[in-house]
C-alpha atoms as a PDB file:
ATOM      1  CA  MET A   1      21.587  -4.296  -7.293  1.00  0.00           C
ATOM      2  CA  GLU A   2      23.314  -7.056  -5.315  1.00  0.00           C
ATOM      3  CA  LYS A   3      25.593  -9.446  -7.194  1.00  0.00           C
ATOM      4  CA  ASN A   4      26.368 -13.120  -6.638  1.00  0.00           C
ATOM      5  CA  GLU A   5      29.823 -14.730  -6.552  1.00  0.00           C
ATOM      6  CA  TYR A   6      29.896 -14.782 -10.365  1.00  0.00           C
ATOM      7  CA  GLY A   7      29.222 -11.051 -10.638  1.00  0.00           C
ATOM      8  CA  GLU A   8      25.640 -11.636 -11.820  1.00  0.00           C
ATOM      9  CA  GLN A   9      22.938  -9.312 -10.543  1.00  0.00           C
ATOM     10  CA  ILE A  10      20.535 -10.827  -8.020  1.00  0.00           C
ATOM     11  CA  LYS A  11      16.968  -9.657  -8.523  1.00  0.00           C
ATOM     12  CA  ARG A  12      15.219  -9.702  -5.160  1.00  0.00           C
ATOM     13  CA  TYR A  13      11.717  -8.871  -6.321  1.00  0.00           C
ATOM     14  CA  ILE A  14       9.051 -10.161  -8.698  1.00  0.00           C
ATOM     15  CA  ILE A  15       6.327  -7.929 -10.127  1.00  0.00           C
ATOM     16  CA  HIS A  16       3.130  -9.768 -11.042  1.00  0.00           C
ATOM     17  CA  SER A  17       1.122  -7.703 -13.549  1.00  0.00           C
ATOM     18  CA  ILE A  18      -2.150  -9.522 -13.044  1.00  0.00           C
ATOM     19  CA  TYR A  19      -4.166  -6.418 -13.920  1.00  0.00           C
ATOM     20  CA  LYS A  20      -3.532  -7.354 -17.560  1.00  0.00           C
ATOM     21  CA  ASP A  21      -5.709 -10.439 -17.112  1.00  0.00           C
ATOM     22  CA  PHE A  22      -8.554  -8.134 -16.086  1.00  0.00           C
ATOM     23  CA  PHE A  23      -8.380  -6.405 -19.457  1.00  0.00           C
ATOM     24  CA  VAL A  24      -8.362  -9.827 -21.141  1.00  0.00           C
ATOM     25  CA  PHE A  25     -11.571 -10.654 -19.252  1.00  0.00           C
ATOM     26  CA  LEU A  26     -13.198  -7.401 -20.406  1.00  0.00           C
ATOM     27  CA  LYS A  27     -12.398  -8.129 -24.045  1.00  0.00           C
ATOM     28  CA  GLU A  28     -13.042 -11.879 -24.123  1.00  0.00           C
ATOM     29  CA  ARG A  29     -16.132 -12.190 -21.949  1.00  0.00           C
ATOM     30  CA  GLY A  30     -19.324 -13.609 -23.328  1.00  0.00           C
ATOM     31  CA  LYS A  31     -22.834 -13.483 -21.889  1.00  0.00           C
ATOM     32  CA  ASN A  32     -21.885 -15.046 -18.553  1.00  0.00           C
ATOM     33  CA  PHE A  33     -19.767 -12.286 -16.997  1.00  0.00           C
ATOM     34  CA  TRP A  34     -19.136 -14.104 -13.711  1.00  0.00           C
ATOM     35  CA  LYS A  35     -18.012 -17.338 -15.346  1.00  0.00           C
ATOM     36  CA  ASP A  36     -15.582 -15.492 -17.616  1.00  0.00           C
ATOM     37  CA  PHE A  37     -14.332 -13.314 -14.748  1.00  0.00           C
ATOM     38  CA  CYS A  38     -13.428 -16.475 -12.833  1.00  0.00           C
ATOM     39  CA  LYS A  39     -11.895 -18.031 -15.950  1.00  0.00           C
ATOM     40  CA  TYR A  40      -9.740 -15.177 -17.220  1.00  0.00           C
ATOM     41  CA  TYR A  41      -8.959 -13.258 -14.023  1.00  0.00           C
ATOM     42  CA  ILE A  42      -9.504 -15.177 -10.788  1.00  0.00           C
ATOM     43  CA  GLY A  43      -8.578 -18.584 -12.204  1.00  0.00           C
ATOM     44  CA  ASN A  44      -5.266 -17.382 -13.622  1.00  0.00           C
ATOM     45  CA  ASN A  45      -4.280 -15.873 -10.272  1.00  0.00           C
ATOM     46  CA  LYS A  46      -5.917 -18.220  -7.771  1.00  0.00           C
ATOM     47  CA  ALA A  47      -3.235 -18.201  -5.037  1.00  0.00           C
ATOM     48  CA  PHE A  48      -3.331 -14.412  -4.845  1.00  0.00           C
ATOM     49  CA  PHE A  49      -7.109 -14.025  -4.917  1.00  0.00           C
ATOM     50  CA  ASP A  50      -7.726 -16.780  -2.359  1.00  0.00           C
ATOM     51  CA  SER A  51      -5.725 -14.743   0.163  1.00  0.00           C
ATOM     52  CA  TYR A  52      -7.012 -11.385  -1.091  1.00  0.00           C
ATOM     53  CA  PHE A  53     -10.677 -12.240  -0.582  1.00  0.00           C
ATOM     54  CA  GLN A  54      -9.943 -13.806   2.801  1.00  0.00           C
ATOM     55  CA  CYS A  55      -8.084 -10.750   4.069  1.00  0.00           C
ATOM     56  CA  PHE A  56     -10.667  -8.235   2.938  1.00  0.00           C
ATOM     57  CA  THR A  57     -13.707 -10.414   3.682  1.00  0.00           C
ATOM     58  CA  TYR A  58     -15.522  -9.596   0.460  1.00  0.00           C
ATOM     59  CA  SER A  59     -18.431 -11.916  -0.128  1.00  0.00           C
ATOM     60  CA  SER A  60     -18.632 -13.593  -3.520  1.00  0.00           C
ATOM     61  CA  GLN A  61     -22.062 -11.985  -3.898  1.00  0.00           C
ATOM     62  CA  MET A  62     -20.599  -8.475  -3.484  1.00  0.00           C
ATOM     63  CA  VAL A  63     -17.921  -9.175  -6.075  1.00  0.00           C
ATOM     64  CA  ARG A  64     -20.374 -10.870  -8.405  1.00  0.00           C
ATOM     65  CA  GLU A  65     -22.728  -7.881  -8.358  1.00  0.00           C
ATOM     66  CA  ARG A  66     -19.861  -5.574  -9.304  1.00  0.00           C
ATOM     67  CA  VAL A  67     -18.671  -7.911 -12.058  1.00  0.00           C
ATOM     68  CA  GLU A  68     -22.145  -8.013 -13.602  1.00  0.00           C
ATOM     69  CA  LYS A  69     -22.125  -4.211 -13.893  1.00  0.00           C
ATOM     70  CA  THR A  70     -18.618  -4.010 -15.364  1.00  0.00           C
ATOM     71  CA  MET A  71     -18.266  -2.404 -18.781  1.00  0.00           C
ATOM     72  CA  TYR A  72     -15.084  -2.055 -20.821  1.00  0.00           C
ATOM     73  CA  GLU A  73     -15.832   1.661 -21.217  1.00  0.00           C
ATOM     74  CA  HIS A  74     -15.391   2.074 -17.449  1.00  0.00           C
ATOM     75  CA  TYR A  75     -11.761   0.934 -17.738  1.00  0.00           C
ATOM     76  CA  SER A  76     -10.682   2.083 -21.211  1.00  0.00           C
ATOM     77  CA  TYR A  77      -8.981   5.195 -19.783  1.00  0.00           C
ATOM     78  CA  LEU A  78      -7.124   3.098 -17.208  1.00  0.00           C
ATOM     79  CA  GLU A  79      -5.958   0.679 -19.894  1.00  0.00           C
ATOM     80  CA  ALA A  80      -4.729   3.609 -21.991  1.00  0.00           C
ATOM     81  CA  ILE A  81      -2.613   5.070 -19.187  1.00  0.00           C
ATOM     82  CA  THR A  82      -1.124   1.643 -18.310  1.00  0.00           C
ATOM     83  CA  LYS A  83       0.058   1.393 -21.921  1.00  0.00           C
ATOM     84  CA  ARG A  84       1.307   4.955 -22.035  1.00  0.00           C
ATOM     85  CA  ASN A  85       2.954   4.846 -18.605  1.00  0.00           C
ATOM     86  CA  PRO A  86       3.388   1.188 -17.521  1.00  0.00           C
ATOM     87  CA  PRO A  87       2.963   0.907 -13.742  1.00  0.00           C
ATOM     88  CA  GLU A  88       5.544  -1.908 -13.623  1.00  0.00           C
ATOM     89  CA  ILE A  89       8.318   0.538 -14.541  1.00  0.00           C
ATOM     90  CA  ILE A  90       7.373   2.955 -11.738  1.00  0.00           C
ATOM     91  CA  VAL A  91       6.962   0.143  -9.191  1.00  0.00           C
ATOM     92  CA  GLU A  92      10.289  -1.403 -10.159  1.00  0.00           C
ATOM     93  CA  ARG A  93      12.176   1.881  -9.826  1.00  0.00           C
ATOM     94  CA  SER A  94      10.609   2.445  -6.426  1.00  0.00           C
ATOM     95  CA  ILE A  95      11.291  -1.092  -5.172  1.00  0.00           C
ATOM     96  CA  ARG A  96      14.923  -0.850  -6.248  1.00  0.00           C
ATOM     97  CA  LYS A  97      15.301   2.384  -4.263  1.00  0.00           C
ATOM     98  CA  CYS A  98      13.634   0.750  -1.257  1.00  0.00           C
ATOM     99  CA  ILE A  99      15.927  -2.292  -1.437  1.00  0.00           C
ATOM    100  CA  LYS A 100      18.902   0.046  -1.660  1.00  0.00           C
ATOM    101  CA  SER A 101      17.705   1.693   1.567  1.00  0.00           C
ATOM    102  CA  ILE A 102      17.085  -1.569   3.410  1.00  0.00           C
ATOM    103  CA  LEU A 103      17.712  -4.990   1.901  1.00  0.00           C
ATOM    104  CA  LEU A 104      15.456  -7.950   2.603  1.00  0.00           C
ATOM    105  CA  HIS A 105      17.081 -11.299   1.933  1.00  0.00           C
ATOM    106  CA  GLU A 106      13.780 -12.905   1.008  1.00  0.00           C
ATOM    107  CA  GLU A 107      12.258 -12.176  -2.376  1.00  0.00           C
ATOM    108  CA  VAL A 108       9.682  -9.372  -2.488  1.00  0.00           C
ATOM    109  CA  ASN A 109       6.516 -10.105  -4.479  1.00  0.00           C
ATOM    110  CA  ILE A 110       4.433  -7.205  -5.756  1.00  0.00           C
ATOM    111  CA  TYR A 111       1.014  -7.815  -7.319  1.00  0.00           C
ATOM    112  CA  ILE A 112      -0.460  -5.049  -9.493  1.00  0.00           C
ATOM    113  CA  ILE A 113      -4.199  -5.633  -9.732  1.00  0.00           C
ATOM    114  CA  ILE A 114      -7.524  -4.148 -10.668  1.00  0.00           C
ATOM    115  CA  GLY A 115     -10.048  -4.871  -7.961  1.00  0.00           C
ATOM    116  CA  PHE A 116     -13.376  -3.363  -6.995  1.00  0.00           C
ATOM    117  CA  PHE A 117     -12.905  -2.418  -3.356  1.00  0.00           C
ATOM    118  CA  SER A 118      -9.137  -2.465  -2.791  1.00  0.00           C
ATOM    119  CA  ALA A 119      -6.960   0.356  -1.513  1.00  0.00           C
ATOM    120  CA  ASP A 120      -4.330   1.910  -3.780  1.00  0.00           C
ATOM    121  CA  GLY A 121      -1.724  -0.013  -1.778  1.00  0.00           C
ATOM    122  CA  PHE A 122      -1.993  -2.864   0.706  1.00  0.00           C
ATOM    123  CA  THR A 123       0.046  -5.620   2.306  1.00  0.00           C
ATOM    124  CA  ILE A 124      -1.363  -9.101   2.867  1.00  0.00           C
ATOM    125  CA  LYS A 125       0.000 -12.601   3.377  1.00  0.00           C
ATOM    126  CA  ILE A 126      -0.065 -15.359   0.775  1.00  0.00           C
ATOM    127  CA  LYS A 127       0.680 -18.773   2.254  1.00  0.00           C
ATOM    128  CA  GLY A 128       2.064 -17.085   5.341  1.00  0.00           C
ATOM    129  CA  LYS A 129       4.397 -14.724   3.478  1.00  0.00           C
ATOM    130  CA  PRO A 130       3.708 -10.975   3.207  1.00  0.00           C
ATOM    131  CA  ILE A 131       3.352  -9.465  -0.245  1.00  0.00           C
ATOM    132  CA  ILE A 132       2.671  -5.978  -1.593  1.00  0.00           C
ATOM    133  CA  GLY A 133      -0.523  -5.277  -3.500  1.00  0.00           C
ATOM    134  CA  ILE A 134      -1.118  -2.256  -5.741  1.00  0.00           C
ATOM    135  CA  GLY A 135      -4.715  -1.556  -6.773  1.00  0.00           C
ATOM    136  CA  LEU A 136      -5.030   0.533  -9.927  1.00  0.00           C
ATOM    137  CA  GLU A 137      -8.808   0.831 -10.128  1.00  0.00           C
ATOM    138  CA  ARG A 138      -9.156   4.241  -8.456  1.00  0.00           C
ATOM    139  CA  MET A 139      -6.100   5.842 -10.056  1.00  0.00           C
ATOM    140  CA  GLN A 140      -6.477   8.587 -12.634  1.00  0.00           C
ATOM    141  CA  HIS A 141      -2.687   8.899 -12.943  1.00  0.00           C
ATOM    142  CA  PHE A 142       0.394   7.250 -11.456  1.00  0.00           C
ATOM    143  CA  SER A 143       2.116  10.305  -9.976  1.00  0.00           C
ATOM    144  CA  ASN A 144       1.969   8.854  -6.433  1.00  0.00           C
ATOM    145  CA  LEU A 145       2.671   5.238  -7.382  1.00  0.00           C
ATOM    146  CA  ASP A 146       6.332   5.434  -6.362  1.00  0.00           C
ATOM    147  CA  ILE A 147       5.382   6.702  -2.889  1.00  0.00           C
ATOM    148  CA  ILE A 148       2.604   4.126  -2.525  1.00  0.00           C
ATOM    149  CA  THR A 149       5.089   1.360  -3.358  1.00  0.00           C
ATOM    150  CA  ALA A 150       7.658   2.628  -0.831  1.00  0.00           C
ATOM    151  CA  HIS A 151       4.966   3.045   1.823  1.00  0.00           C
ATOM    152  CA  GLU A 152       3.828  -0.555   1.373  1.00  0.00           C
ATOM    153  CA  TYR A 153       7.436  -1.788   1.321  1.00  0.00           C
ATOM    154  CA  ALA A 154       7.815  -0.384   4.853  1.00  0.00           C
ATOM    155  CA  HIS A 155       4.703  -2.289   5.951  1.00  0.00           C
ATOM    156  CA  LEU A 156       6.093  -5.440   4.362  1.00  0.00           C
ATOM    157  CA  VAL A 157       9.448  -5.039   6.145  1.00  0.00           C
ATOM    158  CA  ARG A 158       7.702  -4.622   9.501  1.00  0.00           C
ATOM    159  CA  LEU A 159       5.630  -7.719   8.857  1.00  0.00           C
ATOM    160  CA  ARG A 160       8.821  -9.613   8.025  1.00  0.00           C
ATOM    161  CA  TYR A 161      10.248  -8.376  11.336  1.00  0.00           C
ATOM    162  CA  GLY A 162       7.205  -9.836  13.085  1.00  0.00           C
ATOM    163  CA  PHE A 163       5.248  -6.653  13.855  1.00  0.00           C
ATOM    164  CA  GLU A 164       1.511  -7.332  13.704  1.00  0.00           C
ATOM    165  CA  THR A 165      -0.951  -4.513  14.400  1.00  0.00           C
ATOM    166  CA  LYS A 166      -3.620  -5.376  16.956  1.00  0.00           C
ATOM    167  CA  ASN A 167      -5.759  -2.239  17.027  1.00  0.00           C
ATOM    168  CA  GLN A 168      -6.366   1.187  15.478  1.00  0.00           C
ATOM    169  CA  PHE A 169      -3.701   2.834  17.626  1.00  0.00           C
ATOM    170  CA  GLU A 170      -0.979   0.459  16.410  1.00  0.00           C
ATOM    171  CA  ARG A 171      -2.217   0.699  12.814  1.00  0.00           C
ATOM    172  CA  THR A 172      -1.865   4.472  13.047  1.00  0.00           C
ATOM    173  CA  ILE A 173       1.718   4.173  14.347  1.00  0.00           C
ATOM    174  CA  ASN A 174       2.465   1.742  11.513  1.00  0.00           C
ATOM    175  CA  GLU A 175       1.177   4.274   8.969  1.00  0.00           C
ATOM    176  CA  GLY A 176       3.406   6.912  10.534  1.00  0.00           C
ATOM    177  CA  ILE A 177       6.505   4.711  10.303  1.00  0.00           C
ATOM    178  CA  ALA A 178       5.700   3.840   6.669  1.00  0.00           C
ATOM    179  CA  THR A 179       5.320   7.548   5.869  1.00  0.00           C
ATOM    180  CA  VAL A 180       8.669   8.369   7.472  1.00  0.00           C
ATOM    181  CA  PHE A 181      10.256   5.604   5.374  1.00  0.00           C
ATOM    182  CA  SER A 182       8.781   6.838   2.076  1.00  0.00           C
ATOM    183  CA  GLN A 183      10.020  10.320   2.972  1.00  0.00           C
ATOM    184  CA  ILE A 184      13.555   8.941   3.405  1.00  0.00           C
ATOM    185  CA  VAL A 185      13.388   7.103   0.058  1.00  0.00           C
ATOM    186  CA  PHE A 186      11.853  10.032  -1.855  1.00  0.00           C
ATOM    187  CA  PRO A 187      13.026  13.208  -0.064  1.00  0.00           C
ATOM    188  CA  GLU A 188      12.211  15.356  -3.102  1.00  0.00           C
ATOM    189  CA  LYS A 189       8.469  14.766  -2.648  1.00  0.00           C
ATOM    190  CA  THR A 190       6.400  17.088  -0.446  1.00  0.00           C
ATOM    191  CA  LEU A 191       4.988  16.000   2.930  1.00  0.00           C
ATOM    192  CA  PRO A 192       1.361  16.230   1.692  1.00  0.00           C
ATOM    193  CA  GLN A 193       2.313  13.858  -1.140  1.00  0.00           C
ATOM    194  CA  HIS A 194       3.768  11.359   1.340  1.00  0.00           C
ATOM    195  CA  LEU A 195       0.579  11.621   3.398  1.00  0.00           C
ATOM    196  CA  PHE A 196      -1.610  11.244   0.265  1.00  0.00           C
ATOM    197  CA  LEU A 197      -3.270  14.577   1.022  1.00  0.00           C
ATOM    198  CA  SER A 198      -3.944  17.578  -1.154  1.00  0.00           C
ATOM    199  CA  ASN A 199      -2.284  20.783   0.011  1.00  0.00           C
ATOM    200  CA  ALA A 200      -5.687  22.078   1.148  1.00  0.00           C
ATOM    201  CA  GLU A 201      -6.418  18.909   3.158  1.00  0.00           C
ATOM    202  CA  PHE A 202      -2.966  18.996   4.723  1.00  0.00           C
ATOM    203  CA  ASN A 203      -3.239  22.666   5.707  1.00  0.00           C
ATOM    204  CA  SER A 204      -6.688  22.091   7.206  1.00  0.00           C
ATOM    205  CA  LEU A 205      -5.377  19.250   9.372  1.00  0.00           C
ATOM    206  CA  LEU A 206      -2.221  21.170  10.260  1.00  0.00           C
ATOM    207  CA  LEU A 207      -4.285  24.003  11.772  1.00  0.00           C
ATOM    208  CA  ARG A 208      -5.854  21.444  14.163  1.00  0.00           C
ATOM    209  CA  LYS A 209      -2.803  19.195  14.583  1.00  0.00           C
ATOM    210  CA  ASP A 210      -2.320  19.606  18.338  1.00  0.00           C
ATOM    211  CA  GLU A 211      -6.032  19.220  19.035  1.00  0.00           C
ATOM    212  CA  ILE A 212      -6.377  16.111  16.819  1.00  0.00           C
ATOM    213  CA  ILE A 213      -3.230  14.356  18.045  1.00  0.00           C
ATOM    214  CA  GLY A 214      -3.902  15.299  21.680  1.00  0.00           C
ATOM    215  CA  TYR A 215      -7.346  13.742  21.542  1.00  0.00           C
ATOM    216  CA  PHE A 216      -6.050  10.704  19.661  1.00  0.00           C
ATOM    217  CA  ASN A 217      -3.350  10.087  22.307  1.00  0.00           C
ATOM    218  CA  GLU A 218      -5.842  10.598  25.109  1.00  0.00           C
ATOM    219  CA  ILE A 219      -8.107   7.773  23.922  1.00  0.00           C
ATOM    220  CA  LYS A 220      -5.292   5.702  22.317  1.00  0.00           C
ATOM    221  CA  GLY A 221      -7.157   5.537  19.023  1.00  0.00           C
ATOM    222  CA  LYS A 222     -10.302   3.834  20.339  1.00  0.00           C
ATOM    223  CA  LYS A 223     -13.341   4.830  18.252  1.00  0.00           C
ATOM    224  CA  PHE A 224     -11.373   7.918  17.174  1.00  0.00           C
ATOM    225  CA  TYR A 225     -11.956   7.410  13.462  1.00  0.00           C
ATOM    226  CA  LYS A 226     -15.709   7.321  13.893  1.00  0.00           C
ATOM    227  CA  LYS A 227     -15.603  10.842  15.276  1.00  0.00           C
ATOM    228  CA  ILE A 228     -13.558  12.636  12.666  1.00  0.00           C
ATOM    229  CA  LYS A 229     -14.690  13.413   9.143  1.00  0.00           C
ATOM    230  CA  GLU A 230     -11.280  13.141   7.438  1.00  0.00           C
ATOM    231  CA  ARG A 231     -11.105   9.354   8.011  1.00  0.00           C
ATOM    232  CA  GLU A 232      -9.453   8.429   4.753  1.00  0.00           C
ATOM    233  CA  ARG A 233      -5.949   9.842   5.227  1.00  0.00           C
ATOM    234  CA  VAL A 234      -5.909  11.286   8.756  1.00  0.00           C
ATOM    235  CA  LYS A 235      -4.399   8.047  10.082  1.00  0.00           C
ATOM    236  CA  ASN A 236      -1.197   8.732   8.124  1.00  0.00           C
ATOM    237  CA  PHE A 237      -1.145  12.360   9.284  1.00  0.00           C
ATOM    238  CA  ILE A 238      -1.503  11.516  12.984  1.00  0.00           C
ATOM    239  CA  GLY A 239       0.886   8.564  12.845  1.00  0.00           C
ATOM    240  CA  TYR A 240       3.543  10.585  11.034  1.00  0.00           C
ATOM    241  CA  PHE A 241       3.646  13.406  13.592  1.00  0.00           C
ATOM    242  CA  ILE A 242       3.590  11.005  16.575  1.00  0.00           C
ATOM    243  CA  VAL A 243       6.512   9.022  15.118  1.00  0.00           C
ATOM    244  CA  LYS A 244       8.462  12.178  14.159  1.00  0.00           C
ATOM    245  CA  GLN A 245       8.088  13.467  17.708  1.00  0.00           C
ATOM    246  CA  TYR A 246       9.503  10.183  19.036  1.00  0.00           C
ATOM    247  CA  LEU A 247      12.422  10.281  16.577  1.00  0.00           C
ATOM    248  CA  ARG A 248      13.481  13.748  17.807  1.00  0.00           C
ATOM    249  CA  ALA A 249      15.017  12.077  20.879  1.00  0.00           C
ATOM    250  CA  ARG A 250      18.009  11.108  18.692  1.00  0.00           C
ATOM    251  CA  LYS A 251      19.658  12.262  15.477  1.00  0.00           C
ATOM    252  CA  ASP A 252      21.451   9.073  14.448  1.00  0.00           C
ATOM    253  CA  TRP A 253      18.568   6.711  13.683  1.00  0.00           C
ATOM    254  CA  THR A 254      19.279   4.115  11.010  1.00  0.00           C
ATOM    255  CA  ILE A 255      16.471   3.088   8.647  1.00  0.00           C
ATOM    256  CA  GLU A 256      16.505  -0.408  10.121  1.00  0.00           C
ATOM    257  CA  GLU A 257      16.113   0.974  13.648  1.00  0.00           C
ATOM    258  CA  ILE A 258      13.140   3.095  12.557  1.00  0.00           C
ATOM    259  CA  LEU A 259      11.433   0.107  10.945  1.00  0.00           C
ATOM    260  CA  LYS A 260      12.035  -1.956  14.093  1.00  0.00           C
ATOM    261  CA  ILE A 261      10.467   0.525  16.523  1.00  0.00           C
ATOM    262  CA  GLU A 262       8.135  -1.358  18.855  1.00  0.00           C
ATOM    263  CA  ASN A 263       4.513  -0.230  18.911  1.00  0.00           C
ATOM    264  CA  SER A 264       4.599  -0.524  22.717  1.00  0.00           C
ATOM    265  CA  VAL A 265       6.864   2.534  23.117  1.00  0.00           C
ATOM    266  CA  PHE A 266       3.968   4.747  22.030  1.00  0.00           C
ATOM    267  CA  HIS A 267       1.601   3.376  24.684  1.00  0.00           C
ATOM    268  CA  ARG A 268       3.590   4.963  27.488  1.00  0.00           C
END
């Protein structure tokens, strides 16, 4: 970790464990679930949730309907594993490895949440500044949490560099670059793990790799994801192999150079 002129360690990240407020809501709520949800969870983390709901365009009605159906029993297992294996520890270890690979001089904020519709990892802006979000609600274990954190760190770095994705093609390239980065940070993990695929899913896609990527390149991503059944993770798979093919042109890429690759080079 970087040190200041006095030899003191400089911490360049803050982890916000706001998921804990969700468990408070579950235990403290009365008859009015929505009111207590806003009081204990949304209200305590207003700056984050204002941006979160804007970015993902969830209507208050959608969220309210889910809140009304929420039972503590649905989340008791998740609470147990957060106590047994605190996600903050895994996220912190991962972020420190990421910072060691490429240092950002601005503080990195990571929000660990429990949502209803969020991805396992995402990057959004709060007051114009990109942050990392980790959504625990779909996780049965935290074995991929280190990779998810590194993957989102790459997205955050590219946002800090000014790269905004304008369409599905560029989003796919972005996913590929983020996957390459997580592979550099955690080389001991398998490629299917970095792509968030089971071995069976990966092997199935690998058999059709040339066909899938050829078609994707032909139409530059337009409407591609409506025509393929493996929508969930195929974006990472395609992006990874397109980016790796581009990187073969040289052997001396630095991590910073990889994260600064322009999306436009892939449109040629």
